[in-house]
N, C-alpha and C. Protein backbone atom coordinates (compact mmCIF):
# COMPACT_ATOMS: atom_id res chain seq x y z
N MET A 1 100.89 -49.32 -25.77
CA MET A 1 101.18 -50.59 -24.67
C MET A 1 101.43 -52.79 -24.96
N ASP A 2 101.82 -53.33 -25.31
CA ASP A 2 100.49 -54.48 -25.54
C ASP A 2 100.90 -55.52 -24.18
N PHE A 3 99.14 -55.38 -23.62
CA PHE A 3 99.23 -55.96 -23.40
C PHE A 3 98.97 -57.88 -23.05
N ASP A 4 99.37 -58.38 -21.78
CA ASP A 4 99.09 -60.20 -22.02
C ASP A 4 97.65 -59.87 -21.14
N TRP A 5 97.06 -60.57 -21.84
CA TRP A 5 95.92 -61.24 -21.58
C TRP A 5 95.22 -62.55 -21.51
N ASP A 6 94.94 -63.65 -20.94
CA ASP A 6 94.08 -64.47 -20.68
C ASP A 6 92.94 -65.06 -19.85
N ASP A 7 92.80 -66.50 -19.73
CA ASP A 7 91.19 -66.45 -19.10
C ASP A 7 91.54 -65.57 -17.82
N ALA A 8 92.59 -66.58 -17.05
CA ALA A 8 93.02 -66.77 -15.27
C ALA A 8 92.82 -65.17 -15.45
N ASN A 9 93.51 -63.90 -15.71
CA ASN A 9 93.65 -62.26 -15.34
C ASN A 9 92.61 -61.49 -15.54
N LEU A 10 91.81 -61.47 -16.88
CA LEU A 10 91.00 -62.02 -17.24
C LEU A 10 89.72 -62.16 -15.98
N GLU A 11 89.66 -63.18 -15.67
CA GLU A 11 88.73 -63.73 -14.43
C GLU A 11 88.78 -62.86 -13.29
N HIS A 12 90.17 -63.00 -13.13
CA HIS A 12 90.38 -62.89 -11.06
C HIS A 12 90.53 -61.37 -11.69
N ILE A 13 90.57 -60.07 -12.73
CA ILE A 13 90.10 -59.43 -12.66
C ILE A 13 88.29 -59.08 -12.28
N ALA A 14 88.09 -59.85 -12.70
CA ALA A 14 86.54 -59.80 -13.08
C ALA A 14 86.21 -59.94 -11.58
N ARG A 15 86.66 -60.66 -11.02
CA ARG A 15 85.71 -61.12 -8.77
C ARG A 15 86.25 -59.51 -8.77
N HIS A 16 86.92 -58.65 -9.41
CA HIS A 16 86.95 -57.19 -8.05
C HIS A 16 85.35 -56.49 -9.37
N ASP A 17 85.37 -57.12 -9.95
CA ASP A 17 84.24 -56.02 -10.74
C ASP A 17 85.34 -55.41 -11.87
N VAL A 18 86.22 -55.45 -12.35
CA VAL A 18 87.22 -54.43 -13.70
C VAL A 18 86.80 -55.46 -14.29
N ASP A 19 86.83 -54.59 -15.95
CA ASP A 19 86.86 -55.45 -17.33
C ASP A 19 88.41 -55.06 -17.67
N ASP A 20 88.92 -55.31 -18.91
CA ASP A 20 90.45 -55.11 -18.94
C ASP A 20 90.42 -53.44 -19.31
N LEU A 21 89.14 -53.46 -19.97
CA LEU A 21 89.56 -52.35 -20.94
C LEU A 21 89.32 -50.48 -19.77
N GLU A 22 88.88 -51.28 -18.90
CA GLU A 22 89.44 -50.34 -17.29
C GLU A 22 90.77 -50.44 -16.68
N ALA A 23 91.30 -51.12 -16.86
CA ALA A 23 91.93 -51.65 -15.38
C ALA A 23 93.39 -51.02 -17.22
N GLU A 24 93.18 -51.55 -18.46
CA GLU A 24 94.21 -51.06 -19.35
C GLU A 24 94.15 -49.37 -18.97
N ASP A 25 92.90 -48.74 -19.44
CA ASP A 25 92.65 -47.07 -19.15
C ASP A 25 93.99 -46.44 -17.60
N ALA A 26 93.18 -47.33 -16.62
CA ALA A 26 93.62 -47.09 -15.92
C ALA A 26 95.53 -46.68 -15.85
N LEU A 27 96.09 -47.65 -16.36
CA LEU A 27 98.03 -47.53 -16.50
C LEU A 27 97.70 -46.07 -17.60
N MET A 28 96.83 -45.29 -18.61
CA MET A 28 97.35 -44.43 -19.07
C MET A 28 97.02 -43.43 -18.26
N ASP A 29 96.89 -43.16 -17.39
CA ASP A 29 96.13 -41.95 -16.05
C ASP A 29 97.95 -41.00 -16.32
N GLU A 30 98.39 -40.08 -16.81
CA GLU A 30 99.09 -39.28 -16.51
C GLU A 30 99.46 -38.29 -15.51
N ASP A 31 98.38 -39.04 -14.13
CA ASP A 31 99.04 -38.25 -12.82
C ASP A 31 99.12 -39.50 -12.16
N GLY A 32 98.43 -40.79 -13.07
CA GLY A 32 98.76 -42.40 -11.92
C GLY A 32 100.09 -42.05 -11.38
N ARG A 33 100.21 -43.75 -10.65
CA ARG A 33 101.45 -43.41 -10.25
C ARG A 33 102.27 -44.36 -9.48
N GLU A 34 103.61 -45.53 -8.95
CA GLU A 34 103.64 -46.02 -8.96
C GLU A 34 103.37 -46.03 -7.67
N LEU A 35 103.09 -47.28 -6.82
CA LEU A 35 103.38 -47.21 -5.58
C LEU A 35 104.47 -47.91 -5.10
N SER A 36 104.89 -48.77 -5.48
CA SER A 36 105.93 -49.46 -5.21
C SER A 36 106.07 -50.69 -5.94
N LYS A 37 107.10 -51.29 -5.73
CA LYS A 37 107.81 -52.63 -6.63
C LYS A 37 108.56 -53.76 -6.23
N ILE A 38 107.89 -55.49 -5.99
CA ILE A 38 108.21 -56.15 -5.77
C ILE A 38 108.99 -57.13 -5.96
N VAL A 39 110.14 -58.12 -5.97
CA VAL A 39 110.17 -59.03 -6.45
C VAL A 39 109.21 -60.02 -5.92
N VAL A 40 108.33 -61.38 -6.93
CA VAL A 40 107.79 -61.95 -6.35
C VAL A 40 108.24 -63.66 -7.16
N GLY A 41 108.89 -64.35 -6.17
CA GLY A 41 109.90 -65.70 -6.95
C GLY A 41 111.22 -65.21 -8.43
N ARG A 42 110.74 -65.28 -9.41
CA ARG A 42 111.75 -64.01 -10.34
C ARG A 42 111.18 -63.02 -11.44
N GLU A 43 110.07 -63.24 -10.71
CA GLU A 43 108.60 -62.26 -11.02
C GLU A 43 109.22 -60.43 -11.25
N THR A 44 109.43 -59.65 -11.41
CA THR A 44 109.13 -57.79 -10.77
C THR A 44 108.13 -57.90 -10.33
N ARG A 45 107.11 -57.12 -10.09
CA ARG A 45 105.42 -56.86 -9.72
C ARG A 45 105.69 -55.47 -9.29
N PHE A 46 104.55 -55.35 -10.40
CA PHE A 46 104.77 -52.90 -10.17
C PHE A 46 103.37 -52.61 -9.24
N ALA A 47 103.22 -52.15 -7.91
CA ALA A 47 102.17 -51.64 -8.04
C ALA A 47 101.55 -49.98 -8.83
N TYR A 48 100.39 -49.96 -9.24
CA TYR A 48 99.97 -48.32 -9.38
C TYR A 48 98.64 -47.69 -9.04
N LEU A 49 98.73 -46.73 -8.67
CA LEU A 49 97.22 -45.83 -8.84
C LEU A 49 96.96 -45.74 -10.49
N GLY A 50 95.71 -45.56 -10.40
CA GLY A 50 95.29 -44.88 -11.50
C GLY A 50 93.84 -44.42 -11.86
N ARG A 51 93.14 -43.79 -12.33
CA ARG A 51 91.88 -43.38 -12.93
C ARG A 51 91.35 -43.10 -13.87
N THR A 52 90.51 -44.01 -14.41
CA THR A 52 89.84 -44.38 -15.10
C THR A 52 89.35 -43.25 -16.05
N GLU A 53 89.25 -42.71 -16.75
CA GLU A 53 88.40 -41.78 -18.14
C GLU A 53 87.01 -41.79 -17.32
N ALA A 54 86.40 -42.53 -16.47
CA ALA A 54 84.82 -42.87 -15.86
C ALA A 54 85.34 -42.15 -14.70
N GLY A 55 87.13 -42.03 -13.81
CA GLY A 55 86.41 -40.77 -12.96
C GLY A 55 86.85 -42.50 -11.27
N ARG A 56 86.71 -43.64 -11.96
CA ARG A 56 87.61 -45.34 -11.57
C ARG A 56 88.70 -44.42 -10.94
N LEU A 57 88.82 -45.32 -9.70
CA LEU A 57 90.43 -45.03 -9.57
C LEU A 57 90.73 -46.53 -9.08
N LEU A 58 91.75 -47.26 -9.82
CA LEU A 58 91.72 -48.68 -9.76
C LEU A 58 93.41 -48.41 -8.86
N ALA A 59 93.55 -49.22 -8.58
CA ALA A 59 95.13 -50.03 -7.66
C ALA A 59 94.92 -51.44 -8.73
N VAL A 60 97.03 -50.97 -9.19
CA VAL A 60 96.50 -52.51 -10.69
C VAL A 60 97.48 -52.95 -10.67
N ILE A 61 97.65 -53.82 -9.72
CA ILE A 61 99.75 -54.80 -10.20
C ILE A 61 99.87 -55.38 -11.18
N THR A 62 101.09 -54.61 -11.78
CA THR A 62 101.84 -55.98 -13.48
C THR A 62 102.77 -56.04 -13.12
N THR A 63 103.29 -56.71 -14.39
CA THR A 63 104.61 -57.24 -14.31
C THR A 63 104.48 -57.08 -16.27
N ILE A 64 106.59 -57.64 -16.28
CA ILE A 64 106.26 -57.91 -18.19
C ILE A 64 106.92 -59.27 -18.20
N ARG A 65 105.77 -59.81 -18.94
CA ARG A 65 105.87 -61.11 -19.42
C ARG A 65 106.12 -61.62 -21.39
N ASN A 66 107.05 -61.67 -21.19
CA ASN A 66 107.25 -61.99 -23.21
C ASN A 66 107.41 -60.36 -23.49
N GLY A 67 108.08 -59.38 -23.37
CA GLY A 67 107.77 -58.01 -23.24
C GLY A 67 106.12 -57.10 -23.48
N LYS A 68 105.91 -57.63 -22.51
CA LYS A 68 103.58 -57.46 -22.64
C LYS A 68 103.48 -57.13 -21.26
N ILE A 69 103.48 -55.63 -21.44
CA ILE A 69 102.60 -55.92 -19.72
C ILE A 69 101.44 -57.09 -19.67
N ARG A 70 101.46 -57.21 -18.46
CA ARG A 70 100.97 -58.43 -17.83
C ARG A 70 99.99 -57.76 -16.33
N ILE A 71 99.19 -57.55 -16.60
CA ILE A 71 97.79 -57.60 -15.76
C ILE A 71 97.62 -57.77 -14.37
N VAL A 72 98.32 -58.14 -13.09
CA VAL A 72 98.01 -59.31 -12.63
C VAL A 72 96.16 -59.64 -11.28
N THR A 73 96.34 -58.19 -11.49
CA THR A 73 95.60 -57.62 -10.59
C THR A 73 94.95 -56.16 -10.98
N ALA A 74 93.39 -56.08 -10.47
CA ALA A 74 93.00 -54.46 -9.98
C ALA A 74 91.78 -54.58 -9.26
N ARG A 75 92.08 -53.77 -8.85
CA ARG A 75 90.39 -53.35 -8.02
C ARG A 75 90.09 -51.90 -7.42
N ASP A 76 89.17 -51.61 -7.27
CA ASP A 76 89.13 -50.27 -6.42
C ASP A 76 90.61 -49.89 -5.84
N ALA A 77 90.09 -48.74 -5.72
CA ALA A 77 91.66 -47.76 -4.60
C ALA A 77 90.75 -48.43 -3.46
N ASP A 78 91.17 -48.54 -2.04
CA ASP A 78 91.34 -48.01 -0.71
C ASP A 78 91.39 -46.63 -0.75
N ASP A 79 90.17 -46.28 1.25
CA ASP A 79 90.77 -44.64 1.29
C ASP A 79 91.46 -44.76 1.74
N ARG A 80 92.34 -45.70 1.73
CA ARG A 80 94.23 -45.04 2.20
C ARG A 80 95.10 -44.42 0.76
N GLU A 81 94.58 -45.43 0.00
CA GLU A 81 95.23 -45.24 -1.49
C GLU A 81 95.06 -43.42 -2.58
N LYS A 82 93.16 -44.25 -2.52
CA LYS A 82 92.50 -42.81 -2.69
C LYS A 82 93.73 -41.07 -2.13
N ARG A 83 93.67 -41.42 -0.85
CA ARG A 83 94.46 -40.03 -0.11
C ARG A 83 95.24 -39.75 -0.80
N MET A 84 96.18 -40.88 -0.80
CA MET A 84 98.00 -40.83 -1.60
C MET A 84 97.84 -39.97 -2.64
N TYR A 85 96.64 -40.27 -3.52
CA TYR A 85 96.48 -40.08 -5.25
C TYR A 85 96.40 -38.65 -4.93
N ARG A 86 95.11 -38.22 -4.46
CA ARG A 86 95.58 -36.43 -3.75
C ARG A 86 96.50 -35.51 -3.37
N ARG A 87 96.35 -36.47 -2.43
CA ARG A 87 97.93 -35.64 -2.02
C ARG A 87 99.12 -35.53 -3.67
N ALA A 88 98.79 -35.92 -3.69
CA ALA A 88 100.48 -36.75 -5.04
C ALA A 88 100.73 -35.38 -5.93
């Protein structure tokens, strides 16, 4: 998978104490779940839940730009999301 990173999305996820490798790792989780798909303007965004190899459960919002996965934001999963992940 190719990812699209720049200062804007790196700084945004850093505000949630997430780094680029953690966000990518969460998307690689074989037990990860796509939660939803929404259209924002002309762009489709996807919400995922995934666990990093270190065990951190993240909610990650992505889109596809120029054929690459762009992580819009990533943060720790909230309690509701954690329950959803455990149930699946």
